[in-house]
ModelCIF file with pLDDT and N, C-alpha, C, O atoms, coordinates in Angstrom:
data_MODEL
#
_entry.id   MODEL 
#
_entity.id                         1 
_entity.type                       polymer 
_entity.pdbx_number_of_molecules   1 
#
_entity_poly.entity_id                      1 
_entity_poly.type                           'polypeptide(L)' 
_entity_poly.nstd_linkage                   no 
_entity_poly.nstd_monomer                   no 
_entity_poly.pdbx_seq_one_letter_code       
;(UNK)(UNK)(UNK)(UNK)(UNK)(UNK)(UNK)(UNK)(UNK)(UNK)(UNK)(UNK)(UNK)(UNK)(UNK)(UNK)
(UNK)(UNK)(UNK)(UNK)(UNK)(UNK)(UNK)(UNK)(UNK)(UNK)(UNK)(UNK)(UNK)(UNK)(UNK)(UNK)
(UNK)(UNK)(UNK)(UNK)
;
_entity_poly.pdbx_seq_one_letter_code_can   XXXXXXXXXXXXXXXXXXXXXXXXXXXXXXXXXXXX 
_entity_poly.pdbx_strand_id                 A 
#
loop_
_entity_poly_seq.entity_id 
_entity_poly_seq.num 
_entity_poly_seq.mon_id 
_entity_poly_seq.hetero 
1 1  UNK n 
1 2  UNK n 
1 3  UNK n 
1 4  UNK n 
1 5  UNK n 
1 6  UNK n 
1 7  UNK n 
1 8  UNK n 
1 9  UNK n 
1 10 UNK n 
1 11 UNK n 
1 12 UNK n 
1 13 UNK n 
1 14 UNK n 
1 15 UNK n 
1 16 UNK n 
1 17 UNK n 
1 18 UNK n 
1 19 UNK n 
1 20 UNK n 
1 21 UNK n 
1 22 UNK n 
1 23 UNK n 
1 24 UNK n 
1 25 UNK n 
1 26 UNK n 
1 27 UNK n 
1 28 UNK n 
1 29 UNK n 
1 30 UNK n 
1 31 UNK n 
1 32 UNK n 
1 33 UNK n 
1 34 UNK n 
1 35 UNK n 
1 36 UNK n 
#
_struct_asym.id          A 
_struct_asym.entity_id   1 
#
loop_
_ma_qa_metric.id 
_ma_qa_metric.mode 
_ma_qa_metric.name 
_ma_qa_metric.software_group_id 
_ma_qa_metric.type 
1 global pLDDT . pLDDT 
2 local  pLDDT . pLDDT 
#
_ma_qa_metric_global.metric_id      1 
_ma_qa_metric_global.metric_value   94.00 
_ma_qa_metric_global.model_id       1 
_ma_qa_metric_global.ordinal_id     1 
#
loop_
_ma_qa_metric_local.label_asym_id 
_ma_qa_metric_local.label_comp_id 
_ma_qa_metric_local.label_seq_id 
_ma_qa_metric_local.metric_id 
_ma_qa_metric_local.metric_value 
_ma_qa_metric_local.model_id 
_ma_qa_metric_local.ordinal_id 
A UNK 1  2 82.00 1 1  
A UNK 2  2 80.00 1 2  
A UNK 3  2 78.00 1 3  
A UNK 4  2 73.00 1 4  
A UNK 5  2 81.00 1 5  
A UNK 6  2 90.00 1 6  
A UNK 7  2 94.00 1 7  
A UNK 8  2 94.00 1 8  
A UNK 9  2 96.00 1 9  
A UNK 10 2 97.00 1 10 
A UNK 11 2 98.00 1 11 
A UNK 12 2 98.00 1 12 
A UNK 13 2 98.00 1 13 
A UNK 14 2 98.00 1 14 
A UNK 15 2 98.00 1 15 
A UNK 16 2 98.00 1 16 
A UNK 17 2 98.00 1 17 
A UNK 18 2 98.00 1 18 
A UNK 19 2 98.00 1 19 
A UNK 20 2 98.00 1 20 
A UNK 21 2 98.00 1 21 
A UNK 22 2 98.00 1 22 
A UNK 23 2 97.00 1 23 
A UNK 24 2 96.00 1 24 
A UNK 25 2 93.00 1 25 
A UNK 26 2 93.00 1 26 
A UNK 27 2 96.00 1 27 
A UNK 28 2 97.00 1 28 
A UNK 29 2 98.00 1 29 
A UNK 30 2 98.00 1 30 
A UNK 31 2 98.00 1 31 
A UNK 32 2 98.00 1 32 
A UNK 33 2 97.00 1 33 
A UNK 34 2 97.00 1 34 
A UNK 35 2 95.00 1 35 
A UNK 36 2 90.00 1 36 
#
loop_
_atom_site.group_PDB 
_atom_site.id 
_atom_site.type_symbol 
_atom_site.label_atom_id 
_atom_site.label_alt_id 
_atom_site.label_comp_id 
_atom_site.label_asym_id 
_atom_site.label_entity_id 
_atom_site.label_seq_id 
_atom_site.pdbx_PDB_ins_code 
_atom_site.Cartn_x 
_atom_site.Cartn_y 
_atom_site.Cartn_z 
_atom_site.occupancy 
_atom_site.B_iso_or_equiv 
_atom_site.pdbx_formal_charge 
_atom_site.auth_seq_id 
_atom_site.auth_comp_id 
_atom_site.auth_asym_id 
_atom_site.auth_atom_id 
_atom_site.pdbx_PDB_model_num 
ATOM 1   N N  . UNK A 1 1  ? 3.831   -18.910 6.968  1.00 82.00 ? 1  UNK A N  1 
ATOM 2   C CA . UNK A 1 1  ? 4.719   -17.875 7.496  1.00 82.00 ? 1  UNK A CA 1 
ATOM 3   C C  . UNK A 1 1  ? 5.443   -17.190 6.347  1.00 82.00 ? 1  UNK A C  1 
ATOM 4   O O  . UNK A 1 1  ? 5.888   -17.847 5.407  1.00 82.00 ? 1  UNK A O  1 
ATOM 5   N N  . UNK A 1 2  ? 5.559   -15.875 6.424  1.00 80.00 ? 2  UNK A N  1 
ATOM 6   C CA . UNK A 1 2  ? 6.217   -15.126 5.367  1.00 80.00 ? 2  UNK A CA 1 
ATOM 7   C C  . UNK A 1 2  ? 7.722   -15.389 5.343  1.00 80.00 ? 2  UNK A C  1 
ATOM 8   O O  . UNK A 1 2  ? 8.333   -15.569 6.397  1.00 80.00 ? 2  UNK A O  1 
ATOM 9   N N  . UNK A 1 3  ? 8.320   -15.413 4.160  1.00 78.00 ? 3  UNK A N  1 
ATOM 10  C CA . UNK A 1 3  ? 9.772   -15.599 4.066  1.00 78.00 ? 3  UNK A CA 1 
ATOM 11  C C  . UNK A 1 3  ? 10.524  -14.325 4.412  1.00 78.00 ? 3  UNK A C  1 
ATOM 12  O O  . UNK A 1 3  ? 9.957   -13.233 4.374  1.00 78.00 ? 3  UNK A O  1 
ATOM 13  N N  . UNK A 1 4  ? 11.792  -14.463 4.748  1.00 73.00 ? 4  UNK A N  1 
ATOM 14  C CA . UNK A 1 4  ? 12.704  -13.334 4.956  1.00 73.00 ? 4  UNK A CA 1 
ATOM 15  C C  . UNK A 1 4  ? 12.205  -12.349 6.009  1.00 73.00 ? 4  UNK A C  1 
ATOM 16  O O  . UNK A 1 4  ? 12.527  -11.162 5.958  1.00 73.00 ? 4  UNK A O  1 
ATOM 17  N N  . UNK A 1 5  ? 11.428  -12.839 6.951  1.00 81.00 ? 5  UNK A N  1 
ATOM 18  C CA . UNK A 1 5  ? 10.930  -11.992 8.049  1.00 81.00 ? 5  UNK A CA 1 
ATOM 19  C C  . UNK A 1 5  ? 10.217  -10.742 7.542  1.00 81.00 ? 5  UNK A C  1 
ATOM 20  O O  . UNK A 1 5  ? 10.276  -9.688  8.176  1.00 81.00 ? 5  UNK A O  1 
ATOM 21  N N  . UNK A 1 6  ? 9.550   -10.860 6.406  1.00 90.00 ? 6  UNK A N  1 
ATOM 22  C CA . UNK A 1 6  ? 8.822   -9.715  5.840  1.00 90.00 ? 6  UNK A CA 1 
ATOM 23  C C  . UNK A 1 6  ? 7.688   -9.312  6.779  1.00 90.00 ? 6  UNK A C  1 
ATOM 24  O O  . UNK A 1 6  ? 6.976   -10.166 7.308  1.00 90.00 ? 6  UNK A O  1 
ATOM 25  N N  . UNK A 1 7  ? 7.528   -8.012  6.979  1.00 94.00 ? 7  UNK A N  1 
ATOM 26  C CA . UNK A 1 7  ? 6.479   -7.502  7.847  1.00 94.00 ? 7  UNK A CA 1 
ATOM 27  C C  . UNK A 1 7  ? 5.306   -7.035  6.989  1.00 94.00 ? 7  UNK A C  1 
ATOM 28  O O  . UNK A 1 7  ? 5.406   -6.038  6.274  1.00 94.00 ? 7  UNK A O  1 
ATOM 29  N N  . UNK A 1 8  ? 4.203   -7.760  7.065  1.00 94.00 ? 8  UNK A N  1 
ATOM 30  C CA . UNK A 1 8  ? 3.049   -7.457  6.230  1.00 94.00 ? 8  UNK A CA 1 
ATOM 31  C C  . UNK A 1 8  ? 2.450   -6.089  6.490  1.00 94.00 ? 8  UNK A C  1 
ATOM 32  O O  . UNK A 1 8  ? 1.996   -5.422  5.560  1.00 94.00 ? 8  UNK A O  1 
ATOM 33  N N  . UNK A 1 9  ? 2.444   -5.662  7.761  1.00 96.00 ? 9  UNK A N  1 
ATOM 34  C CA . UNK A 1 9  ? 1.902   -4.345  8.084  1.00 96.00 ? 9  UNK A CA 1 
ATOM 35  C C  . UNK A 1 9  ? 2.720   -3.225  7.479  1.00 96.00 ? 9  UNK A C  1 
ATOM 36  O O  . UNK A 1 9  ? 2.166   -2.242  6.985  1.00 96.00 ? 9  UNK A O  1 
ATOM 37  N N  . UNK A 1 10 ? 4.032   -3.366  7.514  1.00 97.00 ? 10 UNK A N  1 
ATOM 38  C CA . UNK A 1 10 ? 4.919   -2.372  6.914  1.00 97.00 ? 10 UNK A CA 1 
ATOM 39  C C  . UNK A 1 10 ? 4.674   -2.287  5.408  1.00 97.00 ? 10 UNK A C  1 
ATOM 40  O O  . UNK A 1 10 ? 4.583   -1.195  4.848  1.00 97.00 ? 10 UNK A O  1 
ATOM 41  N N  . UNK A 1 11 ? 4.569   -3.439  4.764  1.00 98.00 ? 11 UNK A N  1 
ATOM 42  C CA . UNK A 1 11 ? 4.369   -3.476  3.313  1.00 98.00 ? 11 UNK A CA 1 
ATOM 43  C C  . UNK A 1 11 ? 3.052   -2.815  2.931  1.00 98.00 ? 11 UNK A C  1 
ATOM 44  O O  . UNK A 1 11 ? 3.004   -2.026  1.988  1.00 98.00 ? 11 UNK A O  1 
ATOM 45  N N  . UNK A 1 12 ? 1.992   -3.129  3.651  1.00 98.00 ? 12 UNK A N  1 
ATOM 46  C CA . UNK A 1 12 ? 0.686   -2.547  3.333  1.00 98.00 ? 12 UNK A CA 1 
ATOM 47  C C  . UNK A 1 12 ? 0.729   -1.028  3.405  1.00 98.00 ? 12 UNK A C  1 
ATOM 48  O O  . UNK A 1 12 ? 0.252   -0.347  2.497  1.00 98.00 ? 12 UNK A O  1 
ATOM 49  N N  . UNK A 1 13 ? 1.303   -0.492  4.488  1.00 98.00 ? 13 UNK A N  1 
ATOM 50  C CA . UNK A 1 13 ? 1.320   0.954   4.662  1.00 98.00 ? 13 UNK A CA 1 
ATOM 51  C C  . UNK A 1 13 ? 2.163   1.640   3.595  1.00 98.00 ? 13 UNK A C  1 
ATOM 52  O O  . UNK A 1 13 ? 1.796   2.705   3.097  1.00 98.00 ? 13 UNK A O  1 
ATOM 53  N N  . UNK A 1 14 ? 3.274   1.041   3.249  1.00 98.00 ? 14 UNK A N  1 
ATOM 54  C CA . UNK A 1 14 ? 4.106   1.636   2.197  1.00 98.00 ? 14 UNK A CA 1 
ATOM 55  C C  . UNK A 1 14 ? 3.400   1.587   0.847  1.00 98.00 ? 14 UNK A C  1 
ATOM 56  O O  . UNK A 1 14 ? 3.427   2.558   0.092  1.00 98.00 ? 14 UNK A O  1 
ATOM 57  N N  . UNK A 1 15 ? 2.773   0.460   0.547  1.00 98.00 ? 15 UNK A N  1 
ATOM 58  C CA . UNK A 1 15 ? 2.034   0.341   -0.719 1.00 98.00 ? 15 UNK A CA 1 
ATOM 59  C C  . UNK A 1 15 ? 0.923   1.376   -0.767 1.00 98.00 ? 15 UNK A C  1 
ATOM 60  O O  . UNK A 1 15 ? 0.697   2.001   -1.803 1.00 98.00 ? 15 UNK A O  1 
ATOM 61  N N  . UNK A 1 16 ? 0.236   1.557   0.337  1.00 98.00 ? 16 UNK A N  1 
ATOM 62  C CA . UNK A 1 16 ? -0.850  2.542   0.428  1.00 98.00 ? 16 UNK A CA 1 
ATOM 63  C C  . UNK A 1 16 ? -0.311  3.939   0.119  1.00 98.00 ? 16 UNK A C  1 
ATOM 64  O O  . UNK A 1 16 ? -0.866  4.661   -0.710 1.00 98.00 ? 16 UNK A O  1 
ATOM 65  N N  . UNK A 1 17 ? 0.781   4.311   0.800  1.00 98.00 ? 17 UNK A N  1 
ATOM 66  C CA . UNK A 1 17 ? 1.357   5.642   0.620  1.00 98.00 ? 17 UNK A CA 1 
ATOM 67  C C  . UNK A 1 17 ? 1.854   5.854   -0.806 1.00 98.00 ? 17 UNK A C  1 
ATOM 68  O O  . UNK A 1 17 ? 1.645   6.921   -1.383 1.00 98.00 ? 17 UNK A O  1 
ATOM 69  N N  . UNK A 1 18 ? 2.506   4.853   -1.374 1.00 98.00 ? 18 UNK A N  1 
ATOM 70  C CA . UNK A 1 18 ? 3.051   4.986   -2.723 1.00 98.00 ? 18 UNK A CA 1 
ATOM 71  C C  . UNK A 1 18 ? 1.938   5.025   -3.771 1.00 98.00 ? 18 UNK A C  1 
ATOM 72  O O  . UNK A 1 18 ? 2.070   5.713   -4.783 1.00 98.00 ? 18 UNK A O  1 
ATOM 73  N N  . UNK A 1 19 ? 0.850   4.298   -3.542 1.00 98.00 ? 19 UNK A N  1 
ATOM 74  C CA . UNK A 1 19 ? -0.290  4.392   -4.459 1.00 98.00 ? 19 UNK A CA 1 
ATOM 75  C C  . UNK A 1 19 ? -0.891  5.790   -4.429 1.00 98.00 ? 19 UNK A C  1 
ATOM 76  O O  . UNK A 1 19 ? -1.244  6.344   -5.470 1.00 98.00 ? 19 UNK A O  1 
ATOM 77  N N  . UNK A 1 20 ? -1.007  6.363   -3.223 1.00 98.00 ? 20 UNK A N  1 
ATOM 78  C CA . UNK A 1 20 ? -1.518  7.736   -3.126 1.00 98.00 ? 20 UNK A CA 1 
ATOM 79  C C  . UNK A 1 20 ? -0.577  8.703   -3.836 1.00 98.00 ? 20 UNK A C  1 
ATOM 80  O O  . UNK A 1 20 ? -1.022  9.571   -4.588 1.00 98.00 ? 20 UNK A O  1 
ATOM 81  N N  . UNK A 1 21 ? 0.713   8.553   -3.598 1.00 98.00 ? 21 UNK A N  1 
ATOM 82  C CA . UNK A 1 21 ? 1.717   9.447   -4.157 1.00 98.00 ? 21 UNK A CA 1 
ATOM 83  C C  . UNK A 1 21 ? 1.695   9.419   -5.686 1.00 98.00 ? 21 UNK A C  1 
ATOM 84  O O  . UNK A 1 21 ? 1.911   10.445  -6.333 1.00 98.00 ? 21 UNK A O  1 
ATOM 85  N N  . UNK A 1 22 ? 1.434   8.247   -6.259 1.00 98.00 ? 22 UNK A N  1 
ATOM 86  C CA . UNK A 1 22 ? 1.419   8.103   -7.716 1.00 98.00 ? 22 UNK A CA 1 
ATOM 87  C C  . UNK A 1 22 ? 0.014   8.237   -8.303 1.00 98.00 ? 22 UNK A C  1 
ATOM 88  O O  . UNK A 1 22 ? -0.217  7.882   -9.459 1.00 98.00 ? 22 UNK A O  1 
ATOM 89  N N  . UNK A 1 23 ? -0.916  8.748   -7.507 1.00 97.00 ? 23 UNK A N  1 
ATOM 90  C CA . UNK A 1 23 ? -2.278  9.028   -7.976 1.00 97.00 ? 23 UNK A CA 1 
ATOM 91  C C  . UNK A 1 23 ? -2.996  7.792   -8.497 1.00 97.00 ? 23 UNK A C  1 
ATOM 92  O O  . UNK A 1 23 ? -3.705  7.860   -9.500 1.00 97.00 ? 23 UNK A O  1 
ATOM 93  N N  . UNK A 1 24 ? -2.816  6.665   -7.820 1.00 96.00 ? 24 UNK A N  1 
ATOM 94  C CA . UNK A 1 24 ? -3.500  5.442   -8.226 1.00 96.00 ? 24 UNK A CA 1 
ATOM 95  C C  . UNK A 1 24 ? -5.007  5.643   -8.154 1.00 96.00 ? 24 UNK A C  1 
ATOM 96  O O  . UNK A 1 24 ? -5.546  5.961   -7.094 1.00 96.00 ? 24 UNK A O  1 
ATOM 97  N N  . UNK A 1 25 ? -5.676  5.461   -9.267 1.00 93.00 ? 25 UNK A N  1 
ATOM 98  C CA . UNK A 1 25 ? -7.124  5.651   -9.408 1.00 93.00 ? 25 UNK A CA 1 
ATOM 99  C C  . UNK A 1 25 ? -7.569  7.064   -9.027 1.00 93.00 ? 25 UNK A C  1 
ATOM 100 O O  . UNK A 1 25 ? -8.756  7.306   -8.810 1.00 93.00 ? 25 UNK A O  1 
ATOM 101 N N  . UNK A 1 26 ? -6.611  7.998   -8.945 1.00 93.00 ? 26 UNK A N  1 
ATOM 102 C CA . UNK A 1 26 ? -6.897  9.392   -8.587 1.00 93.00 ? 26 UNK A CA 1 
ATOM 103 C C  . UNK A 1 26 ? -7.651  9.501   -7.260 1.00 93.00 ? 26 UNK A C  1 
ATOM 104 O O  . UNK A 1 26 ? -8.485  10.389  -7.079 1.00 93.00 ? 26 UNK A O  1 
ATOM 105 N N  . UNK A 1 27 ? -7.348  8.597   -6.346 1.00 96.00 ? 27 UNK A N  1 
ATOM 106 C CA . UNK A 1 27 ? -8.089  8.526   -5.089 1.00 96.00 ? 27 UNK A CA 1 
ATOM 107 C C  . UNK A 1 27 ? -7.543  9.502   -4.055 1.00 96.00 ? 27 UNK A C  1 
ATOM 108 O O  . UNK A 1 27 ? -6.336  9.731   -3.977 1.00 96.00 ? 27 UNK A O  1 
ATOM 109 N N  . UNK A 1 28 ? -8.449  10.075  -3.258 1.00 97.00 ? 28 UNK A N  1 
ATOM 110 C CA . UNK A 1 28 ? -8.045  10.853  -2.089 1.00 97.00 ? 28 UNK A CA 1 
ATOM 111 C C  . UNK A 1 28 ? -7.503  9.895   -1.026 1.00 97.00 ? 28 UNK A C  1 
ATOM 112 O O  . UNK A 1 28 ? -7.679  8.680   -1.121 1.00 97.00 ? 28 UNK A O  1 
ATOM 113 N N  . UNK A 1 29 ? -6.841  10.461  -0.012 1.00 98.00 ? 29 UNK A N  1 
ATOM 114 C CA . UNK A 1 29 ? -6.150  9.639   0.960  1.00 98.00 ? 29 UNK A CA 1 
ATOM 115 C C  . UNK A 1 29 ? -7.032  8.576   1.599  1.00 98.00 ? 29 UNK A C  1 
ATOM 116 O O  . UNK A 1 29 ? -6.619  7.421   1.705  1.00 98.00 ? 29 UNK A O  1 
ATOM 117 N N  . UNK A 1 30 ? -8.209  8.931   2.017  1.00 98.00 ? 30 UNK A N  1 
ATOM 118 C CA . UNK A 1 30 ? -9.086  7.970   2.695  1.00 98.00 ? 30 UNK A CA 1 
ATOM 119 C C  . UNK A 1 30 ? -9.554  6.840   1.788  1.00 98.00 ? 30 UNK A C  1 
ATOM 120 O O  . UNK A 1 30 ? -9.984  5.793   2.270  1.00 98.00 ? 30 UNK A O  1 
ATOM 121 N N  . UNK A 1 31 ? -9.473  7.049   0.470  1.00 98.00 ? 31 UNK A N  1 
ATOM 122 C CA . UNK A 1 31 ? -10.071 6.106   -0.473 1.00 98.00 ? 31 UNK A CA 1 
ATOM 123 C C  . UNK A 1 31 ? -9.053  5.318   -1.283 1.00 98.00 ? 31 UNK A C  1 
ATOM 124 O O  . UNK A 1 31 ? -9.414  4.660   -2.259 1.00 98.00 ? 31 UNK A O  1 
ATOM 125 N N  . UNK A 1 32 ? -7.777  5.378   -0.885 1.00 98.00 ? 32 UNK A N  1 
ATOM 126 C CA . UNK A 1 32 ? -6.736  4.678   -1.634 1.00 98.00 ? 32 UNK A CA 1 
ATOM 127 C C  . UNK A 1 32 ? -6.962  3.159   -1.560 1.00 98.00 ? 32 UNK A C  1 
ATOM 128 O O  . UNK A 1 32 ? -7.274  2.616   -0.500 1.00 98.00 ? 32 UNK A O  1 
ATOM 129 N N  . UNK A 1 33 ? -6.799  2.498   -2.697 1.00 97.00 ? 33 UNK A N  1 
ATOM 130 C CA . UNK A 1 33 ? -6.929  1.047   -2.769 1.00 97.00 ? 33 UNK A CA 1 
ATOM 131 C C  . UNK A 1 33 ? -5.548  0.448   -3.028 1.00 97.00 ? 33 UNK A C  1 
ATOM 132 O O  . UNK A 1 33 ? -4.673  1.102   -3.595 1.00 97.00 ? 33 UNK A O  1 
ATOM 133 N N  . UNK A 1 34 ? -5.367  -0.790  -2.611 1.00 97.00 ? 34 UNK A N  1 
ATOM 134 C CA . UNK A 1 34 ? -4.083  -1.478  -2.820 1.00 97.00 ? 34 UNK A CA 1 
ATOM 135 C C  . UNK A 1 34 ? -4.320  -2.879  -3.395 1.00 97.00 ? 34 UNK A C  1 
ATOM 136 O O  . UNK A 1 34 ? -3.906  -3.869  -2.793 1.00 97.00 ? 34 UNK A O  1 
ATOM 137 N N  . UNK A 1 35 ? -4.977  -2.970  -4.544 1.00 95.00 ? 35 UNK A N  1 
ATOM 138 C CA . UNK A 1 35 ? -5.220  -4.299  -5.121 1.00 95.00 ? 35 UNK A CA 1 
ATOM 139 C C  . UNK A 1 35 ? -3.920  -4.947  -5.559 1.00 95.00 ? 35 UNK A C  1 
ATOM 140 O O  . UNK A 1 35 ? -2.970  -4.263  -5.940 1.00 95.00 ? 35 UNK A O  1 
ATOM 141 N N  . UNK A 1 36 ? -3.886  -6.259  -5.504 1.00 90.00 ? 36 UNK A N  1 
ATOM 142 C CA . UNK A 1 36 ? -2.707  -6.995  -5.965 1.00 90.00 ? 36 UNK A CA 1 
ATOM 143 C C  . UNK A 1 36 ? -3.080  -8.091  -6.953 1.00 90.00 ? 36 UNK A C  1 
ATOM 144 O O  . UNK A 1 36 ? -2.205  -8.807  -7.441 1.00 90.00 ? 36 UNK A O  1 
#
């Protein structure tokens, strides 16, 4: 179970959006990756 009631779905979507915003791998929206 995740600590501090962290919501994994929320985190994934935010990471996705922020990676797109910062041009991670210069990917278009459909192709954004979120490696950790």
